[in-house]
C-alpha atoms as a PDB file:
ATOM      1  CA  UNK A   1       0.036   0.222  -0.167  1.00  0.00           C
ATOM      2  CA  UNK A   2       1.121   3.468  -1.140  1.00  0.00           C
ATOM      3  CA  UNK A   3       1.768   5.821   1.508  1.00  0.00           C
ATOM      4  CA  UNK A   4       3.176   8.907  -0.270  1.00  0.00           C
ATOM      5  CA  UNK A   5       0.546  10.826  -2.322  1.00  0.00           C
ATOM      6  CA  UNK A   6       1.545  12.381  -5.553  1.00  0.00           C
ATOM      7  CA  UNK A   7       0.471  15.294  -7.762  1.00  0.00           C
ATOM      8  CA  UNK A   8       2.001  15.605 -11.067  1.00  0.00           C
ATOM      9  CA  UNK A   9       1.661  16.828 -14.541  1.00  0.00           C
ATOM     10  CA  UNK A  10       1.860  13.959 -17.291  1.00  0.00           C
ATOM     11  CA  UNK A  11       1.119  13.520 -20.961  1.00  0.00           C
ATOM     12  CA  UNK A  12      -1.996  11.557 -21.892  1.00  0.00           C
ATOM     13  CA  UNK A  13      -2.338  10.033 -25.340  1.00  0.00           C
ATOM     14  CA  UNK A  14      -5.797   9.624 -27.110  1.00  0.00           C
ATOM     15  CA  UNK A  15      -5.908   6.560 -29.452  1.00  0.00           C
ATOM     16  CA  UNK A  16      -8.645   6.444 -31.692  1.00  0.00           C
ATOM     17  CA  UNK A  17      -9.404   2.799 -33.559  1.00  0.00           C
ATOM     18  CA  UNK A  18     -12.052   1.487 -35.328  1.00  0.00           C
ATOM     19  CA  UNK A  19     -14.380  -0.575 -32.971  1.00  0.00           C
ATOM     20  CA  UNK A  20     -13.900  -4.132 -34.176  1.00  0.00           C
ATOM     21  CA  UNK A  21     -12.593  -7.393 -32.999  1.00  0.00           C
ATOM     22  CA  UNK A  22      -8.961  -7.337 -32.061  1.00  0.00           C
ATOM     23  CA  UNK A  23      -8.343  -3.389 -32.348  1.00  0.00           C
ATOM     24  CA  UNK A  24      -8.014  -2.836 -28.580  1.00  0.00           C
ATOM     25  CA  UNK A  25      -5.945  -5.851 -28.006  1.00  0.00           C
ATOM     26  CA  UNK A  26      -3.402  -4.781 -30.903  1.00  0.00           C
ATOM     27  CA  UNK A  27      -3.278  -1.363 -29.287  1.00  0.00           C
ATOM     28  CA  UNK A  28      -2.664  -2.705 -25.896  1.00  0.00           C
ATOM     29  CA  UNK A  29      -0.013  -5.264 -27.106  1.00  0.00           C
ATOM     30  CA  UNK A  30       1.701  -1.996 -28.714  1.00  0.00           C
ATOM     31  CA  UNK A  31       1.656   0.039 -25.732  1.00  0.00           C
ATOM     32  CA  UNK A  32       3.327  -2.950 -23.831  1.00  0.00           C
ATOM     33  CA  UNK A  33       5.585  -4.191 -26.525  1.00  0.00           C
ATOM     34  CA  UNK A  34       7.866  -0.549 -26.070  1.00  0.00           C
ATOM     35  CA  UNK A  35       8.247  -1.469 -22.119  1.00  0.00           C
ATOM     36  CA  UNK A  36       6.274   0.860 -20.418  1.00  0.00           C
ATOM     37  CA  UNK A  37       3.942   1.017 -17.923  1.00  0.00           C
ATOM     38  CA  UNK A  38       0.342   2.030 -18.193  1.00  0.00           C
ATOM     39  CA  UNK A  39      -0.306   4.466 -15.233  1.00  0.00           C
ATOM     40  CA  UNK A  40      -3.994   5.291 -15.832  1.00  0.00           C
ATOM     41  CA  UNK A  41      -5.950   4.327 -18.705  1.00  0.00           C
ATOM     42  CA  UNK A  42      -9.939   5.011 -19.670  1.00  0.00           C
ATOM     43  CA  UNK A  43     -12.213   4.306 -22.920  1.00  0.00           C
ATOM     44  CA  UNK A  44     -15.057   5.077 -24.562  1.00  0.00           C
ATOM     45  CA  UNK A  45     -16.893   4.250 -27.939  1.00  0.00           C
ATOM     46  CA  UNK A  46     -19.484   5.761 -29.980  1.00  0.00           C
ATOM     47  CA  UNK A  47     -20.018   2.771 -31.913  1.00  0.00           C
ATOM     48  CA  UNK A  48     -17.965   2.899 -35.027  1.00  0.00           C
ATOM     49  CA  UNK A  49     -15.118   4.159 -33.141  1.00  0.00           C
ATOM     50  CA  UNK A  50     -13.297   3.384 -29.420  1.00  0.00           C
ATOM     51  CA  UNK A  51     -11.298   6.163 -27.781  1.00  0.00           C
ATOM     52  CA  UNK A  52      -8.581   4.891 -25.556  1.00  0.00           C
ATOM     53  CA  UNK A  53      -6.618   7.434 -23.151  1.00  0.00           C
ATOM     54  CA  UNK A  54      -3.641   6.218 -21.965  1.00  0.00           C
ATOM     55  CA  UNK A  55      -1.220   7.725 -19.713  1.00  0.00           C
ATOM     56  CA  UNK A  56       2.083   5.706 -19.582  1.00  0.00           C
ATOM     57  CA  UNK A  57       5.622   6.329 -18.134  1.00  0.00           C
ATOM     58  CA  UNK A  58       6.967   6.983 -21.206  1.00  0.00           C
ATOM     59  CA  UNK A  59       4.892   9.110 -23.438  1.00  0.00           C
ATOM     60  CA  UNK A  60       7.888   9.221 -25.867  1.00  0.00           C
ATOM     61  CA  UNK A  61       8.040   5.944 -26.417  1.00  0.00           C
ATOM     62  CA  UNK A  62       4.474   4.904 -26.415  1.00  0.00           C
ATOM     63  CA  UNK A  63       3.931   7.722 -29.483  1.00  0.00           C
ATOM     64  CA  UNK A  64       6.516   6.174 -31.675  1.00  0.00           C
ATOM     65  CA  UNK A  65       5.718   2.414 -30.973  1.00  0.00           C
ATOM     66  CA  UNK A  66       1.578   3.769 -31.709  1.00  0.00           C
ATOM     67  CA  UNK A  67       3.053   5.538 -35.042  1.00  0.00           C
ATOM     68  CA  UNK A  68       5.276   2.696 -36.066  1.00  0.00           C
ATOM     69  CA  UNK A  69       2.100   0.482 -35.623  1.00  0.00           C
ATOM     70  CA  UNK A  70       0.057   3.368 -37.579  1.00  0.00           C
ATOM     71  CA  UNK A  71      -2.381   4.141 -34.934  1.00  0.00           C
ATOM     72  CA  UNK A  72      -4.260   7.648 -35.204  1.00  0.00           C
ATOM     73  CA  UNK A  73      -3.249   9.462 -31.868  1.00  0.00           C
ATOM     74  CA  UNK A  74      -2.863  12.848 -30.089  1.00  0.00           C
ATOM     75  CA  UNK A  75      -1.399  14.017 -26.885  1.00  0.00           C
ATOM     76  CA  UNK A  76      -2.043  16.689 -24.513  1.00  0.00           C
ATOM     77  CA  UNK A  77      -1.125  17.349 -20.663  1.00  0.00           C
ATOM     78  CA  UNK A  78      -3.456  16.090 -17.796  1.00  0.00           C
ATOM     79  CA  UNK A  79      -2.694  15.922 -13.783  1.00  0.00           C
ATOM     80  CA  UNK A  80      -2.126  12.734 -12.095  1.00  0.00           C
ATOM     81  CA  UNK A  81      -3.136  12.265  -8.457  1.00  0.00           C
ATOM     82  CA  UNK A  82      -1.599   9.009  -7.334  1.00  0.00           C
ATOM     83  CA  UNK A  83      -2.815   8.301  -3.618  1.00  0.00           C
ATOM     84  CA  UNK A  84      -4.858   5.871  -1.434  1.00  0.00           C
ATOM     85  CA  UNK A  85      -8.493   6.056  -2.801  1.00  0.00           C
ATOM     86  CA  UNK A  86      -9.815   7.321   0.507  1.00  0.00           C
ATOM     87  CA  UNK A  87      -7.785  10.283  -0.722  1.00  0.00           C
ATOM     88  CA  UNK A  88      -7.929  10.503  -4.235  1.00  0.00           C
ATOM     89  CA  UNK A  89     -12.026  10.353  -4.339  1.00  0.00           C
ATOM     90  CA  UNK A  90     -12.706  11.809  -7.460  1.00  0.00           C
ATOM     91  CA  UNK A  91     -15.491  14.026  -6.387  1.00  0.00           C
ATOM     92  CA  UNK A  92     -14.030  15.041  -3.272  1.00  0.00           C
ATOM     93  CA  UNK A  93     -10.891  16.746  -5.519  1.00  0.00           C
ATOM     94  CA  UNK A  94     -13.261  17.659  -8.165  1.00  0.00           C
ATOM     95  CA  UNK A  95     -15.150  19.462  -5.958  1.00  0.00           C
ATOM     96  CA  UNK A  96     -11.981  21.163  -4.359  1.00  0.00           C
ATOM     97  CA  UNK A  97     -10.946  22.013  -8.167  1.00  0.00           C
ATOM     98  CA  UNK A  98     -14.299  23.696  -8.712  1.00  0.00           C
ATOM     99  CA  UNK A  99     -14.262  25.458  -5.627  1.00  0.00           C
ATOM    100  CA  UNK A 100     -11.023  27.291  -6.804  1.00  0.00           C
ATOM    101  CA  UNK A 101     -12.668  28.109 -10.086  1.00  0.00           C
ATOM    102  CA  UNK A 102     -10.901  25.641 -12.256  1.00  0.00           C
ATOM    103  CA  UNK A 103     -12.545  24.249 -15.258  1.00  0.00           C
ATOM    104  CA  UNK A 104     -12.545  20.650 -15.247  1.00  0.00           C
ATOM    105  CA  UNK A 105     -13.160  18.850 -19.126  1.00  0.00           C
ATOM    106  CA  UNK A 106     -13.402  15.483 -17.775  1.00  0.00           C
ATOM    107  CA  UNK A 107     -11.290  13.246 -15.056  1.00  0.00           C
ATOM    108  CA  UNK A 108     -11.333   9.549 -14.482  1.00  0.00           C
ATOM    109  CA  UNK A 109      -9.698   7.064 -11.975  1.00  0.00           C
ATOM    110  CA  UNK A 110      -7.898   3.821 -12.448  1.00  0.00           C
ATOM    111  CA  UNK A 111      -6.999   1.591  -9.460  1.00  0.00           C
ATOM    112  CA  UNK A 112      -3.197   0.232  -9.750  1.00  0.00           C
ATOM    113  CA  UNK A 113      -2.805  -1.556  -6.495  1.00  0.00           C
ATOM    114  CA  UNK A 114      -5.622  -2.633  -4.010  1.00  0.00           C
ATOM    115  CA  UNK A 115      -7.043   0.409  -2.668  1.00  0.00           C
ATOM    116  CA  UNK A 116      -5.058   2.786  -4.360  1.00  0.00           C
ATOM    117  CA  UNK A 117      -5.712   4.990  -7.371  1.00  0.00           C
ATOM    118  CA  UNK A 118      -4.646   7.195  -9.743  1.00  0.00           C
ATOM    119  CA  UNK A 119      -7.214  10.213 -10.629  1.00  0.00           C
ATOM    120  CA  UNK A 120      -6.826  11.765 -13.870  1.00  0.00           C
ATOM    121  CA  UNK A 121      -8.055  15.436 -14.729  1.00  0.00           C
ATOM    122  CA  UNK A 122      -7.970  17.295 -18.155  1.00  0.00           C
ATOM    123  CA  UNK A 123      -8.356  20.708 -16.667  1.00  0.00           C
ATOM    124  CA  UNK A 124      -8.475  24.322 -18.369  1.00  0.00           C
ATOM    125  CA  UNK A 125      -5.291  25.648 -15.777  1.00  0.00           C
ATOM    126  CA  UNK A 126      -3.360  22.486 -14.666  1.00  0.00           C
ATOM    127  CA  UNK A 127      -0.736  24.474 -13.148  1.00  0.00           C
ATOM    128  CA  UNK A 128      -3.362  25.949 -10.391  1.00  0.00           C
ATOM    129  CA  UNK A 129      -5.002  22.646 -10.408  1.00  0.00           C
ATOM    130  CA  UNK A 130      -2.069  21.216  -9.163  1.00  0.00           C
ATOM    131  CA  UNK A 131      -1.400  23.438  -6.494  1.00  0.00           C
ATOM    132  CA  UNK A 132      -4.957  23.438  -5.273  1.00  0.00           C
ATOM    133  CA  UNK A 133      -4.642  19.398  -5.160  1.00  0.00           C
ATOM    134  CA  UNK A 134      -1.285  19.450  -3.891  1.00  0.00           C
ATOM    135  CA  UNK A 135      -2.390  21.640  -0.953  1.00  0.00           C
ATOM    136  CA  UNK A 136      -5.514  20.036  -0.107  1.00  0.00           C
ATOM    137  CA  UNK A 137      -4.010  16.310  -0.103  1.00  0.00           C
ATOM    138  CA  UNK A 138      -1.086  17.576   2.056  1.00  0.00           C
ATOM    139  CA  UNK A 139      -3.822  19.000   4.436  1.00  0.00           C
ATOM    140  CA  UNK A 140      -5.460  16.083   4.376  1.00  0.00           C
ATOM    141  CA  UNK A 141      -2.989  13.458   4.977  1.00  0.00           C
ATOM    142  CA  UNK A 142      -2.211  15.299   8.073  1.00  0.00           C
ATOM    143  CA  UNK A 143      -5.730  14.821   9.894  1.00  0.00           C
ATOM    144  CA  UNK A 144      -4.801  11.774  11.543  1.00  0.00           C
ATOM    145  CA  UNK A 145      -1.281  11.380  12.659  1.00  0.00           C
ATOM    146  CA  UNK A 146      -2.024   7.755  13.469  1.00  0.00           C
ATOM    147  CA  UNK A 147      -2.222   6.201   9.827  1.00  0.00           C
ATOM    148  CA  UNK A 148       0.683   6.662   7.348  1.00  0.00           C
ATOM    149  CA  UNK A 149      -1.807   8.470   4.903  1.00  0.00           C
ATOM    150  CA  UNK A 150      -5.050   9.796   6.252  1.00  0.00           C
ATOM    151  CA  UNK A 151      -8.292   9.962   4.962  1.00  0.00           C
ATOM    152  CA  UNK A 152     -10.417  13.344   4.556  1.00  0.00           C
ATOM    153  CA  UNK A 153     -14.209  12.940   5.650  1.00  0.00           C
ATOM    154  CA  UNK A 154     -16.507  11.372   2.786  1.00  0.00           C
ATOM    155  CA  UNK A 155     -19.689  11.674   2.417  1.00  0.00           C
ATOM    156  CA  UNK A 156     -21.127   7.947   3.155  1.00  0.00           C
ATOM    157  CA  UNK A 157     -21.846   5.874  -0.342  1.00  0.00           C
ATOM    158  CA  UNK A 158     -19.686   8.328  -2.672  1.00  0.00           C
ATOM    159  CA  UNK A 159     -17.036   6.791  -4.684  1.00  0.00           C
ATOM    160  CA  UNK A 160     -16.906   3.621  -2.145  1.00  0.00           C
ATOM    161  CA  UNK A 161     -15.626   0.018  -3.459  1.00  0.00           C
ATOM    162  CA  UNK A 162     -17.065  -3.254  -2.262  1.00  0.00           C
ATOM    163  CA  UNK A 163     -14.311  -4.702   0.021  1.00  0.00           C
END
């Protein structure tokens, strides 16, 4: 279990593939073939196309592999939060960003260890979003000195997974 909270700017790669058998398997095989770790991902489909959002530990290498295999992709910056799920509740983090007047275009979460998540935010002001989230998470981590990483109060039933 992680005890360190991290907020950092990352590159998110958006890949569009035809929604046909094997297309997503080929995409993920390509991303894995270049030795990258996928830090976070999300996908959606509009029927004919599938869109996959990837944050990897080496976006340049990922982009080269995608280009070599003929994938259509783009890249943009996002804010990535790595923390225990009790701290990285996207509802809570979204509320903090909105209270600071930061526009959020979209967000999603990926679990990477039991009870640990990576939350991804595409905002209109990544630098300010990082400062707001770092301040909030630092304060929340100090709430309970008896724990390695303490959780802020989260309303019952919000963003909780079954144990």
